[in-house]
Protein backbone atom coordinates (compact mmCIF):
# COMPACT_ATOMS: atom_id res chain seq x y z
CA MET A 1 0.00 0.00 0.00
CA ASN A 2 1.32 3.44 -0.94
CA ASP A 3 1.78 5.89 1.94
CA ASN A 4 -0.18 8.61 0.11
CA GLN A 5 -3.26 6.43 -0.52
CA PRO A 6 -6.12 6.44 2.03
CA ARG A 7 -6.60 3.31 4.13
CA ASP A 8 -9.64 1.05 4.35
CA SER A 9 -12.85 2.64 5.60
CA GLU A 10 -12.92 0.16 8.53
CA GLU A 11 -9.53 1.27 9.72
CA THR A 12 -10.40 5.00 9.62
CA LYS A 13 -13.68 4.43 11.54
CA ALA A 14 -12.09 2.39 14.33
CA PRO A 15 -12.02 4.23 17.67
CA CYS A 16 -8.34 3.56 18.24
CA PRO A 17 -6.44 2.61 15.06
CA GLN A 18 -3.50 0.32 15.61
CA SER A 19 -1.02 -0.84 13.06
CA GLN A 20 -0.90 -4.54 12.23
CA ASN A 21 2.54 -4.13 10.61
CA THR A 22 5.70 -4.48 12.60
CA GLU A 23 7.28 -1.66 10.58
CA LYS A 24 7.27 1.87 11.98
CA GLU A 25 4.31 3.80 10.61
CA ILE A 26 4.55 7.52 9.78
CA TYR A 27 1.65 9.65 11.06
CA GLN A 28 -0.04 11.64 8.35
CA PRO A 29 -2.63 14.15 9.60
CA ASP A 30 -4.91 13.87 6.56
CA GLU A 31 -5.35 10.10 7.11
CA LEU A 32 -6.99 10.43 10.52
CA ASP A 33 -9.81 12.92 11.06
CA ILE A 34 -10.26 13.15 14.83
CA LEU A 35 -13.39 15.30 14.69
CA ASP A 36 -15.19 12.75 12.50
CA LYS A 37 -14.27 10.00 14.94
CA LEU A 38 -15.63 12.03 17.88
CA GLU A 39 -18.93 12.60 16.09
CA GLU A 40 -19.22 8.90 15.23
CA ASN A 41 -18.33 7.68 18.72
CA PRO A 42 -19.83 9.89 21.50
CA GLN A 43 -18.40 7.57 24.16
CA LEU A 44 -14.95 8.74 23.12
CA ILE A 45 -15.98 12.35 23.80
CA SER A 46 -16.82 11.62 27.43
CA LYS A 47 -13.36 10.15 27.92
CA ILE A 48 -11.59 13.17 26.47
CA ILE A 49 -13.42 15.96 28.30
CA ALA A 50 -11.80 16.83 31.60
CA LYS A 51 -12.78 19.20 34.35
CA PHE A 52 -10.19 21.49 35.91
CA HIS A 53 -10.63 23.56 39.03
CA SER A 54 -8.14 25.68 40.88
CA GLY A 55 -8.51 27.29 44.27
CA PRO A 56 -8.70 26.57 47.96
CA LEU A 57 -12.34 25.43 47.80
CA PRO A 58 -13.90 22.64 45.76
CA SER A 59 -16.21 23.68 42.93
CA PRO A 60 -19.89 24.20 43.80
CA GLU A 61 -20.76 20.95 42.01
CA ASP A 62 -18.23 19.07 44.14
CA LEU A 63 -19.60 20.71 47.29
CA THR A 64 -23.06 19.43 46.36
CA ILE A 65 -21.64 15.93 45.93
CA TYR A 66 -19.81 16.16 49.28
CA ASN A 67 -23.07 17.26 50.89
CA GLN A 68 -24.82 14.20 49.47
CA LEU A 69 -22.09 11.77 50.58
CA ILE A 70 -21.24 13.21 54.01
CA PRO A 71 -23.84 14.72 56.36
CA ASN A 72 -23.27 18.51 56.26
CA GLY A 73 -20.14 17.86 54.17
CA ALA A 74 -20.16 21.21 52.38
CA ASP A 75 -20.73 23.07 55.66
CA ARG A 76 -17.89 21.19 57.33
CA ILE A 77 -15.56 22.00 54.42
CA MET A 78 -16.49 25.69 54.58
CA GLN A 79 -15.91 25.79 58.35
CA SER A 80 -12.53 24.15 57.89
CA VAL A 81 -11.54 26.70 55.25
CA GLU A 82 -12.73 29.57 57.47
CA ARG A 83 -10.69 28.24 60.43
CA GLU A 84 -7.63 27.90 58.20
CA GLN A 85 -8.07 31.43 56.89
CA SER A 86 -8.49 32.94 60.35
CA ALA A 87 -5.42 31.02 61.59
CA ARG A 88 -3.40 32.31 58.64
CA ILE A 89 -4.56 35.88 59.28
CA GLU A 90 -3.65 35.56 62.98
CA LEU A 91 -0.23 34.17 62.07
CA ASP A 92 0.41 37.06 59.65
CA ARG A 93 -0.73 39.57 62.29
CA HIS A 94 1.60 38.00 64.88
CA LYS A 95 4.51 38.02 62.42
CA THR A 96 3.88 41.69 61.63
CA GLU A 97 3.80 42.55 65.35
CA CYS A 98 7.08 40.68 65.88
CA ASP A 99 8.68 42.52 62.95
CA ILE A 100 7.53 45.88 64.34
CA ASN A 101 8.86 45.00 67.81
CA TYR A 102 12.19 43.92 66.34
CA ILE A 103 12.53 47.17 64.38
CA ASN A 104 11.63 49.24 67.45
CA LYS A 105 14.19 47.40 69.61
CA SER A 106 16.85 47.87 66.93
CA LEU A 107 16.13 51.59 66.76
CA GLN A 108 16.28 51.87 70.55
CA LEU A 109 19.66 50.11 70.59
CA GLN A 110 20.97 52.39 67.86
CA GLN A 111 19.80 55.49 69.71
CA ARG A 112 21.30 54.24 72.96
CA GLY A 113 24.59 53.52 71.19
CA GLN A 114 24.60 56.98 69.64
CA TRP A 115 24.04 58.63 73.03
CA ILE A 116 26.82 56.57 74.62
CA ALA A 117 29.16 57.47 71.75
CA PHE A 118 28.25 61.16 72.07
CA VAL A 119 28.92 61.17 75.84
CA THR A 120 32.22 59.31 75.35
CA VAL A 121 33.40 61.74 72.67
CA LEU A 122 32.33 64.68 74.82
CA LEU A 123 34.31 63.30 77.77
CA PHE A 124 37.44 62.87 75.61
CA PHE A 125 37.14 66.42 74.32
CA ILE A 126 36.68 67.75 77.85
CA LEU A 127 39.71 65.73 78.99
CA SER A 128 41.75 67.02 76.04
CA PHE A 129 40.70 70.60 76.74
CA LEU A 130 41.60 70.23 80.45
CA LEU A 131 45.01 68.78 79.56
CA ILE A 132 45.69 71.63 77.14
CA TRP A 133 44.45 74.19 79.73
CA THR A 134 46.63 72.77 82.53
CA GLY A 135 49.84 72.93 80.52
CA SER A 136 50.09 69.58 78.65
CA PRO A 137 49.23 70.69 75.12
CA VAL A 138 50.99 67.76 73.41
CA LEU A 139 49.12 65.15 75.48
CA GLY A 140 45.79 67.00 75.10
CA ALA A 141 46.22 67.36 71.33
CA SER A 142 47.21 63.69 71.04
CA ILE A 143 44.08 62.54 72.88
CA MET A 144 41.89 64.87 70.81
CA GLY A 145 43.48 63.72 67.52
CA ALA A 146 43.16 60.04 68.43
CA SER A 147 39.51 60.60 69.37
CA LEU A 148 38.78 62.29 66.06
CA VAL A 149 40.53 59.53 64.09
CA ALA A 150 38.54 56.88 66.00
CA ILE A 151 35.21 58.66 65.38
CA VAL A 152 35.88 59.12 61.66
CA THR A 153 36.97 55.47 61.34
CA ILE A 154 33.83 54.23 63.10
CA PHE A 155 31.57 56.31 60.85
CA ILE A 156 33.34 55.16 57.67
CA THR A 157 33.32 51.45 58.61
CA GLY A 158 29.71 51.70 59.82
CA LYS A 159 28.58 53.08 56.46
CA ALA A 160 30.60 50.44 54.60
CA ILE A 161 29.03 47.63 56.66
CA LYS A 162 25.50 49.00 56.05
CA SER A 163 26.07 49.29 52.30
CA LYS A 164 27.39 45.69 52.13
CA SER A 165 24.43 44.32 54.07
CA LYS A 166 21.94 45.97 51.69
């Protein structure tokens, strides 16, 4: 049989054509008309149609079936979904509160650290000024210079650490 010639009418009307030859057969779209087969065999249509549903709840048809199979099945499913949703909302609320508390504590620690640093720097400047005033200008200037170098270094490394963490 030539590959371009149509096959027997029995073979084209069969619901699931299978080759009797052991040789590999090449599929040719014009040989097999799927729509004609579906019209001839409605049972094949019911096997091809599928139902898809996406979401947290079953479809209304499925809820009706659950209600028929299980006493108050649809109501029980809805209550379960409502409990899950309220638990999820409560968990999100708790997480948000924890995040806010964490941020507030971090800000408090930063402010406290800034005040301690300010007081420390102020004490070093006062000490330097007193040393210069009492007649030790070299020692006073050394303490003041070292304090300024330390402050500038802390600010530069602090900004570098923040930029790396972002």
